[in-house]
Amino acid sequence: QVQLVESGGGLVQVGGSLRLSCAASGSILQINTIRWYRQAPGAEREKVAEMPSDGSTKYLDSVKGRFTISRDNDKNMQYLQMNSLKPEDTAVYYCWADVTDYYVRRAYWGQGTQVTVSS
């Protein structure tokens, strides 16, 4: 079994920065694509950033130039650096990972961490 545990959310003022972390643990052979999603109250969950195993990146248009996804394969960690935060970035942020363990390849979700940007 694989678990993803997030940390780093909180309350920040407009223009501030936060760094979200997501630690994967369990019988992991390889972490393939990683993603960050977010869900604001009353809204659909949306994909914010993605990084396949080749290191390329894709971002939601509204966060391009402000957010950066990264990973540390040796530590089974993924990160989301969020700069120049805006009130519309307020949401619960979830990490997601496509993981190959000793038995199967499947996707896992973190539990979510609240990010609140105050004006």
C-alpha atoms as a PDB file:
ATOM      1  CA  GLN A   1       0.000   0.000   0.000  1.00  0.00           C
ATOM      2  CA  VAL A   2       1.202   3.507  -0.839  1.00  0.00           C
ATOM      3  CA  GLN A   3       0.322   6.673   1.036  1.00  0.00           C
ATOM      4  CA  LEU A   4       0.703  10.309   0.035  1.00  0.00           C
ATOM      5  CA  VAL A   5       0.906  12.822   2.870  1.00  0.00           C
ATOM      6  CA  GLU A   6       0.825  16.535   2.217  1.00  0.00           C
ATOM      7  CA  SER A   7       2.079  19.451   4.235  1.00  0.00           C
ATOM      8  CA  GLY A   8       2.712  23.152   3.862  1.00  0.00           C
ATOM      9  CA  GLY A   9      -0.734  24.665   3.463  1.00  0.00           C
ATOM     10  CA  GLY A  10      -1.933  27.614   5.494  1.00  0.00           C
ATOM     11  CA  LEU A  11      -3.044  31.224   5.506  1.00  0.00           C
ATOM     12  CA  VAL A  12      -1.063  33.753   3.489  1.00  0.00           C
ATOM     13  CA  GLN A  13      -1.609  37.315   2.351  1.00  0.00           C
ATOM     14  CA  VAL A  14      -2.035  38.344  -1.256  1.00  0.00           C
ATOM     15  CA  GLY A  15       1.326  38.321  -2.997  1.00  0.00           C
ATOM     16  CA  GLY A  16       2.818  35.869  -0.562  1.00  0.00           C
ATOM     17  CA  SER A  17       4.307  32.443  -1.131  1.00  0.00           C
ATOM     18  CA  LEU A  18       3.764  28.908   0.102  1.00  0.00           C
ATOM     19  CA  ARG A  19       5.493  25.642  -0.640  1.00  0.00           C
ATOM     20  CA  LEU A  20       3.434  22.472  -0.560  1.00  0.00           C
ATOM     21  CA  SER A  21       5.141  19.140  -0.020  1.00  0.00           C
ATOM     22  CA  CYS A  22       3.866  15.627  -0.623  1.00  0.00           C
ATOM     23  CA  ALA A  23       5.667  12.594   0.767  1.00  0.00           C
ATOM     24  CA  ALA A  24       5.036   9.168  -0.714  1.00  0.00           C
ATOM     25  CA  SER A  25       5.639   6.087   1.394  1.00  0.00           C
ATOM     26  CA  GLY A  26       5.128   2.350   1.075  1.00  0.00           C
ATOM     27  CA  SER A  27       6.338  -0.354  -1.277  1.00  0.00           C
ATOM     28  CA  ILE A  28       7.321   2.010  -4.054  1.00  0.00           C
ATOM     29  CA  LEU A  29       9.328   0.892  -7.040  1.00  0.00           C
ATOM     30  CA  GLN A  30       8.808   3.969  -9.178  1.00  0.00           C
ATOM     31  CA  ILE A  31       6.808   7.178  -9.158  1.00  0.00           C
ATOM     32  CA  ASN A  32       5.749   8.052 -12.679  1.00  0.00           C
ATOM     33  CA  THR A  33       3.645  11.148 -13.379  1.00  0.00           C
ATOM     34  CA  ILE A  34       2.995  13.527 -10.476  1.00  0.00           C
ATOM     35  CA  ARG A  35       0.287  16.179 -10.320  1.00  0.00           C
ATOM     36  CA  TRP A  36      -1.212  18.807  -8.074  1.00  0.00           C
ATOM     37  CA  TYR A  37      -4.929  19.510  -8.113  1.00  0.00           C
ATOM     38  CA  ARG A  38      -7.058  22.018  -6.252  1.00  0.00           C
ATOM     39  CA  GLN A  39     -10.702  22.381  -5.369  1.00  0.00           C
ATOM     40  CA  ALA A  40     -12.307  25.626  -4.295  1.00  0.00           C
ATOM     41  CA  PRO A  41     -15.661  25.651  -2.458  1.00  0.00           C
ATOM     42  CA  GLY A  42     -18.501  24.930  -4.850  1.00  0.00           C
ATOM     43  CA  ALA A  43     -16.124  24.298  -7.750  1.00  0.00           C
ATOM     44  CA  GLU A  44     -14.887  21.276  -9.626  1.00  0.00           C
ATOM     45  CA  ARG A  45     -11.473  19.861  -8.808  1.00  0.00           C
ATOM     46  CA  GLU A  46      -8.962  21.155 -11.350  1.00  0.00           C
ATOM     47  CA  LYS A  47      -5.473  20.095 -12.335  1.00  0.00           C
ATOM     48  CA  VAL A  48      -2.936  22.758 -11.447  1.00  0.00           C
ATOM     49  CA  ALA A  49       0.381  21.244 -12.491  1.00  0.00           C
ATOM     50  CA  GLU A  50       1.812  18.047 -13.889  1.00  0.00           C
ATOM     51  CA  MET A  51       5.258  16.527 -14.258  1.00  0.00           C
ATOM     52  CA  PRO A  52       5.775  13.187 -16.021  1.00  0.00           C
ATOM     53  CA  SER A  53       8.860  11.126 -15.245  1.00  0.00           C
ATOM     54  CA  ASP A  54      10.749  12.849 -18.086  1.00  0.00           C
ATOM     55  CA  GLY A  55      10.731  16.089 -16.092  1.00  0.00           C
ATOM     56  CA  SER A  56       8.584  18.103 -18.471  1.00  0.00           C
ATOM     57  CA  THR A  57       5.911  20.311 -16.930  1.00  0.00           C
ATOM     58  CA  LYS A  58       2.412  21.549 -17.672  1.00  0.00           C
ATOM     59  CA  TYR A  59       0.474  24.201 -15.786  1.00  0.00           C
ATOM     60  CA  LEU A  60      -3.023  25.571 -15.536  1.00  0.00           C
ATOM     61  CA  ASP A  61      -2.998  28.853 -17.468  1.00  0.00           C
ATOM     62  CA  SER A  62      -3.933  30.901 -14.422  1.00  0.00           C
ATOM     63  CA  VAL A  63      -0.868  29.752 -12.455  1.00  0.00           C
ATOM     64  CA  LYS A  64       1.761  29.841 -15.196  1.00  0.00           C
ATOM     65  CA  GLY A  65       4.759  31.900 -14.142  1.00  0.00           C
ATOM     66  CA  ARG A  66       3.708  31.808 -10.477  1.00  0.00           C
ATOM     67  CA  PHE A  67       3.666  28.104  -9.524  1.00  0.00           C
ATOM     68  CA  THR A  68       6.443  25.560  -9.963  1.00  0.00           C
ATOM     69  CA  ILE A  69       6.086  21.804  -9.643  1.00  0.00           C
ATOM     70  CA  SER A  70       9.154  19.764  -8.735  1.00  0.00           C
ATOM     71  CA  ARG A  71      10.132  16.343  -7.462  1.00  0.00           C
ATOM     72  CA  ASP A  72      12.898  14.549  -5.596  1.00  0.00           C
ATOM     73  CA  ASN A  73      12.866  10.973  -6.820  1.00  0.00           C
ATOM     74  CA  ASP A  74      15.427   9.819  -4.257  1.00  0.00           C
ATOM     75  CA  LYS A  75      13.175  10.935  -1.409  1.00  0.00           C
ATOM     76  CA  ASN A  76       9.825  10.136  -3.099  1.00  0.00           C
ATOM     77  CA  MET A  77       8.803  13.747  -2.627  1.00  0.00           C
ATOM     78  CA  GLN A  78       6.904  16.202  -4.789  1.00  0.00           C
ATOM     79  CA  TYR A  79       6.510  19.916  -4.280  1.00  0.00           C
ATOM     80  CA  LEU A  80       4.465  22.863  -5.439  1.00  0.00           C
ATOM     81  CA  GLN A  81       6.070  26.264  -4.986  1.00  0.00           C
ATOM     82  CA  MET A  82       3.400  28.939  -5.130  1.00  0.00           C
ATOM     83  CA  ASN A  83       4.414  32.573  -5.503  1.00  0.00           C
ATOM     84  CA  SER A  84       2.483  35.799  -6.017  1.00  0.00           C
ATOM     85  CA  LEU A  85      -0.585  34.193  -4.517  1.00  0.00           C
ATOM     86  CA  LYS A  86      -4.009  35.612  -5.281  1.00  0.00           C
ATOM     87  CA  PRO A  87      -7.362  35.239  -3.467  1.00  0.00           C
ATOM     88  CA  GLU A  88      -8.573  33.030  -6.320  1.00  0.00           C
ATOM     89  CA  ASP A  89      -5.844  30.525  -5.446  1.00  0.00           C
ATOM     90  CA  THR A  90      -7.723  29.737  -2.238  1.00  0.00           C
ATOM     91  CA  ALA A  91      -8.621  26.051  -2.317  1.00  0.00           C
ATOM     92  CA  VAL A  92      -7.843  22.640  -0.932  1.00  0.00           C
ATOM     93  CA  TYR A  93      -4.762  21.371  -2.749  1.00  0.00           C
ATOM     94  CA  TYR A  94      -4.244  17.672  -3.426  1.00  0.00           C
ATOM     95  CA  CYS A  95      -1.192  15.814  -4.611  1.00  0.00           C
ATOM     96  CA  TRP A  96      -1.606  12.887  -6.973  1.00  0.00           C
ATOM     97  CA  ALA A  97       0.905  10.331  -8.144  1.00  0.00           C
ATOM     98  CA  ASP A  98       0.992   7.439 -10.577  1.00  0.00           C
ATOM     99  CA  VAL A  99       2.959   4.835  -8.649  1.00  0.00           C
ATOM    100  CA  THR A 100       4.382   1.448  -9.513  1.00  0.00           C
ATOM    101  CA  ASP A 101       4.724  -0.662  -6.382  1.00  0.00           C
ATOM    102  CA  TYR A 102       5.659  -4.316  -5.970  1.00  0.00           C
ATOM    103  CA  TYR A 103       2.239  -5.514  -7.117  1.00  0.00           C
ATOM    104  CA  VAL A 104       0.500  -3.013  -9.311  1.00  0.00           C
ATOM    105  CA  ARG A 105       0.641   0.380 -10.986  1.00  0.00           C
ATOM    106  CA  ARG A 106      -2.086   2.770  -9.894  1.00  0.00           C
ATOM    107  CA  ALA A 107      -2.820   6.333  -8.926  1.00  0.00           C
ATOM    108  CA  TYR A 108      -2.955   7.675  -5.382  1.00  0.00           C
ATOM    109  CA  TRP A 109      -4.260  10.882  -3.831  1.00  0.00           C
ATOM    110  CA  GLY A 110      -3.092  12.851  -0.856  1.00  0.00           C
ATOM    111  CA  GLN A 111      -5.541  13.902   1.830  1.00  0.00           C
ATOM    112  CA  GLY A 112      -5.546  17.554   0.817  1.00  0.00           C
ATOM    113  CA  THR A 113      -4.194  20.696   2.444  1.00  0.00           C
ATOM    114  CA  GLN A 114      -5.999  24.009   2.769  1.00  0.00           C
ATOM    115  CA  VAL A 115      -4.487  27.115   1.192  1.00  0.00           C
ATOM    116  CA  THR A 116      -6.175  30.401   2.028  1.00  0.00           C
ATOM    117  CA  VAL A 117      -5.057  33.672   0.465  1.00  0.00           C
ATOM    118  CA  SER A 118      -6.393  36.711   2.269  1.00  0.00           C
ATOM    119  CA  SER A 119      -6.759  40.182   0.857  1.00  0.00           C
END
